[in-house]
Amino acid sequence: MDAGLLVLRVVAGLLIAGHGVQKVSFRLGGHGLAGGTEEFRHDGFRGGRLTAVVAGASQIGAGLFLAAGLLTPLAAMAAMGVMTVAGTVKWPKGLWVQNDGYEYPLVLVVVSAALALTGPGRWSVDHALGVTPWPVWVALAAIVIGPVSGLLTRLVLHRAPTATEGKIHAQPAD
């Protein structure tokens, strides 16, 4: 079981961290901070560079902590928060990833929730520090607070499209 949790943590955590790296740099196929900023604007967020930096840093930190099994419920909570935001962006396109849907963010939210509930396993920093097992209430709080914080973030940072953007998106495709 510990080997399975290690594989799950490392893969999911590094994928989440990789998303953050893409938001703020040219690494891993990213378009730099300017590209990350533009992506957030295109997706209907206000805040510009600060939004991209905070989102990228949150993804990098949550992903690396999750991969290491360090403060696992808190890392899972942060991962669920940022991936819930990603899911809200993709929600209008439906579930499936081939249509740019929310399938992938949903999988990462569920994996993070499962890790919050199961704990990181013996091969983790939490275990080495002697802080496992985490109380069930901590995991449950993380599972609620993570997605709720993502939804609140989307609500607070949402911006209505400008008149120009509205016209561009309202025109029928050829």
Protein backbone atom coordinates (compact mmCIF):
# COMPACT_ATOMS: atom_id res chain seq x y z
CA MET A 1 0.00 0.00 0.00
CA ASP A 2 2.82 2.44 0.83
CA ALA A 3 4.39 1.94 -2.60
CA GLY A 4 1.06 2.71 -4.28
CA LEU A 5 0.59 5.87 -2.24
CA LEU A 6 4.13 6.96 -3.08
CA VAL A 7 3.55 6.51 -6.83
CA LEU A 8 0.19 8.27 -6.67
CA ARG A 9 1.58 11.18 -4.62
CA VAL A 10 4.67 11.69 -6.75
CA VAL A 11 2.92 11.52 -10.11
CA ALA A 12 -0.08 13.67 -9.16
CA GLY A 13 2.04 16.12 -7.16
CA LEU A 14 4.61 16.62 -9.92
CA LEU A 15 1.87 17.10 -12.53
CA ILE A 16 0.24 19.78 -10.38
CA ALA A 17 3.62 21.45 -9.80
CA GLY A 18 4.34 21.25 -13.53
CA HIS A 19 1.14 23.19 -14.25
CA GLY A 20 2.42 25.91 -11.95
CA VAL A 21 5.81 26.00 -13.64
CA GLN A 22 4.07 26.45 -16.99
CA LYS A 23 2.12 29.44 -15.64
CA VAL A 24 5.21 31.42 -14.65
CA SER A 25 8.04 30.27 -16.93
CA PHE A 26 9.00 28.97 -20.34
CA ARG A 27 9.78 25.55 -18.90
CA LEU A 28 7.68 22.45 -19.57
CA GLY A 29 6.05 24.11 -22.57
CA GLY A 30 5.00 27.25 -20.67
CA HIS A 31 4.71 30.66 -22.28
CA GLY A 32 6.39 32.64 -19.52
CA LEU A 33 4.75 34.88 -16.98
CA ALA A 34 3.34 37.09 -19.74
CA GLY A 35 1.72 34.04 -21.32
CA GLY A 36 0.34 32.88 -17.97
CA THR A 37 -1.05 36.34 -17.34
CA GLU A 38 -2.72 36.39 -20.75
CA GLU A 39 -4.15 32.91 -20.17
CA PHE A 40 -5.86 34.11 -16.98
CA ARG A 41 -7.22 37.20 -18.71
CA HIS A 42 -8.53 35.05 -21.57
CA ASP A 43 -10.19 32.75 -19.03
CA GLY A 44 -12.04 35.68 -17.45
CA PHE A 45 -9.88 36.52 -14.44
CA ARG A 46 -8.82 39.91 -13.20
CA GLY A 47 -5.57 40.53 -11.38
CA GLY A 48 -3.05 40.23 -14.20
CA ARG A 49 0.48 39.18 -13.28
CA LEU A 50 -0.29 38.83 -9.59
CA THR A 51 -3.02 36.28 -10.32
CA ALA A 52 -0.66 34.27 -12.54
CA VAL A 53 2.16 34.39 -9.97
CA VAL A 54 -0.08 33.37 -7.05
CA ALA A 55 -1.73 30.58 -9.06
CA GLY A 56 1.62 29.31 -10.33
CA ALA A 57 3.24 29.45 -6.90
CA SER A 58 0.22 27.72 -5.33
CA GLN A 59 0.37 24.91 -7.87
CA ILE A 60 4.13 24.50 -7.51
CA GLY A 61 4.01 24.51 -3.71
CA ALA A 62 0.95 22.27 -3.39
CA GLY A 63 2.32 19.83 -5.95
CA LEU A 64 5.78 19.56 -4.40
CA PHE A 65 4.40 19.20 -0.87
CA LEU A 66 1.95 16.55 -2.07
CA ALA A 67 4.69 14.67 -3.93
CA ALA A 68 6.89 14.68 -0.81
CA GLY A 69 4.02 13.78 1.51
CA LEU A 70 4.68 16.92 3.53
CA LEU A 71 1.73 18.41 5.43
CA THR A 72 -0.37 16.19 3.20
CA PRO A 73 -3.88 17.37 4.14
CA LEU A 74 -2.85 21.02 3.66
CA ALA A 75 -1.07 20.25 0.39
CA ALA A 76 -4.13 18.33 -0.81
CA MET A 77 -6.37 21.24 0.20
CA ALA A 78 -4.27 23.70 -1.82
CA ALA A 79 -4.14 21.32 -4.79
CA MET A 80 -7.91 20.88 -4.68
CA GLY A 81 -8.33 24.64 -4.56
CA VAL A 82 -6.22 25.44 -7.62
CA MET A 83 -7.56 22.49 -9.60
CA THR A 84 -11.15 23.47 -8.74
CA VAL A 85 -10.41 26.87 -10.27
CA ALA A 86 -9.11 25.09 -13.39
CA GLY A 87 -12.27 23.00 -13.46
CA THR A 88 -14.46 26.11 -13.39
CA VAL A 89 -12.68 27.42 -16.47
CA LYS A 90 -13.28 24.18 -18.35
CA TRP A 91 -16.79 23.52 -17.00
CA PRO A 92 -18.68 25.07 -19.96
CA LYS A 93 -16.91 22.68 -22.34
CA GLY A 94 -18.25 19.57 -20.63
CA LEU A 95 -16.53 16.67 -18.91
CA TRP A 96 -14.23 15.12 -21.47
CA VAL A 97 -10.68 16.34 -21.95
CA GLN A 98 -10.73 15.86 -25.74
CA ASN A 99 -13.22 18.75 -25.80
CA ASP A 100 -11.02 20.75 -23.38
CA GLY A 101 -13.38 19.73 -20.57
CA TYR A 102 -12.86 19.48 -16.84
CA GLU A 103 -12.03 15.74 -16.67
CA TYR A 104 -8.34 16.24 -15.86
CA PRO A 105 -8.77 18.87 -13.11
CA LEU A 106 -11.51 16.68 -11.62
CA VAL A 107 -9.17 13.67 -11.51
CA LEU A 108 -6.52 15.74 -9.70
CA VAL A 109 -9.10 17.03 -7.19
CA VAL A 110 -10.27 13.48 -6.48
CA VAL A 111 -6.71 12.13 -6.16
CA SER A 112 -5.86 14.96 -3.77
CA ALA A 113 -8.97 14.24 -1.70
CA ALA A 114 -8.09 10.54 -1.58
CA LEU A 115 -4.57 11.36 -0.39
CA ALA A 116 -5.97 13.65 2.30
CA LEU A 117 -8.14 10.77 3.52
CA THR A 118 -5.60 7.94 3.28
CA GLY A 119 -2.57 9.90 4.36
CA PRO A 120 0.75 9.88 2.51
CA GLY A 121 1.95 6.43 3.59
CA ARG A 122 5.14 5.41 5.35
CA TRP A 123 7.42 6.66 2.58
CA SER A 124 6.71 10.33 3.19
CA VAL A 125 8.06 13.35 5.00
CA ASP A 126 4.96 13.38 7.23
CA HIS A 127 5.78 9.85 8.41
CA ALA A 128 9.45 10.73 8.93
CA LEU A 129 8.40 13.71 11.07
CA GLY A 130 5.96 11.55 13.03
CA VAL A 131 2.89 13.63 12.23
CA THR A 132 0.85 10.77 10.74
CA PRO A 133 -1.82 9.67 10.93
CA TRP A 134 -3.62 12.96 10.56
CA PRO A 135 -6.95 13.22 12.40
CA VAL A 136 -9.96 12.48 10.18
CA TRP A 137 -11.40 15.95 10.88
CA VAL A 138 -8.29 17.53 9.33
CA ALA A 139 -8.74 15.52 6.13
CA LEU A 140 -12.46 16.29 5.98
CA ALA A 141 -11.82 19.99 6.54
CA ALA A 142 -9.24 19.96 3.74
CA ILE A 143 -11.68 18.24 1.39
CA VAL A 144 -14.30 20.91 2.03
CA ILE A 145 -12.07 23.99 2.27
CA GLY A 146 -10.00 23.19 -0.85
CA PRO A 147 -12.80 23.17 -3.44
CA VAL A 148 -14.76 25.91 -1.65
CA SER A 149 -11.69 28.16 -1.71
CA GLY A 150 -11.32 27.46 -5.44
CA LEU A 151 -14.94 28.40 -6.10
CA LEU A 152 -14.58 31.57 -4.00
CA THR A 153 -11.38 32.46 -5.86
CA ARG A 154 -13.18 32.12 -9.17
CA LEU A 155 -16.07 34.23 -7.89
CA VAL A 156 -13.84 37.00 -6.50
CA LEU A 157 -11.47 37.16 -9.47
CA HIS A 158 -14.08 36.78 -12.22
CA ARG A 159 -14.37 39.70 -14.56
CA ALA A 160 -17.04 40.32 -17.12
CA PRO A 161 -15.78 40.39 -20.70
CA THR A 162 -15.23 43.84 -22.14
CA ALA A 163 -17.46 45.03 -24.97
CA THR A 164 -14.73 44.15 -27.50
CA GLU A 165 -14.24 40.65 -26.07
CA GLY A 166 -17.99 40.08 -26.01
CA LYS A 167 -18.27 40.98 -29.70
CA ILE A 168 -15.36 38.76 -30.64
CA HIS A 169 -16.81 35.75 -28.80
CA ALA A 170 -20.37 36.44 -29.98
CA GLN A 171 -19.56 36.24 -33.70
CA PRO A 172 -20.50 32.93 -35.32
CA ALA A 173 -17.69 30.72 -36.55
CA ASP A 174 -17.18 30.26 -40.27
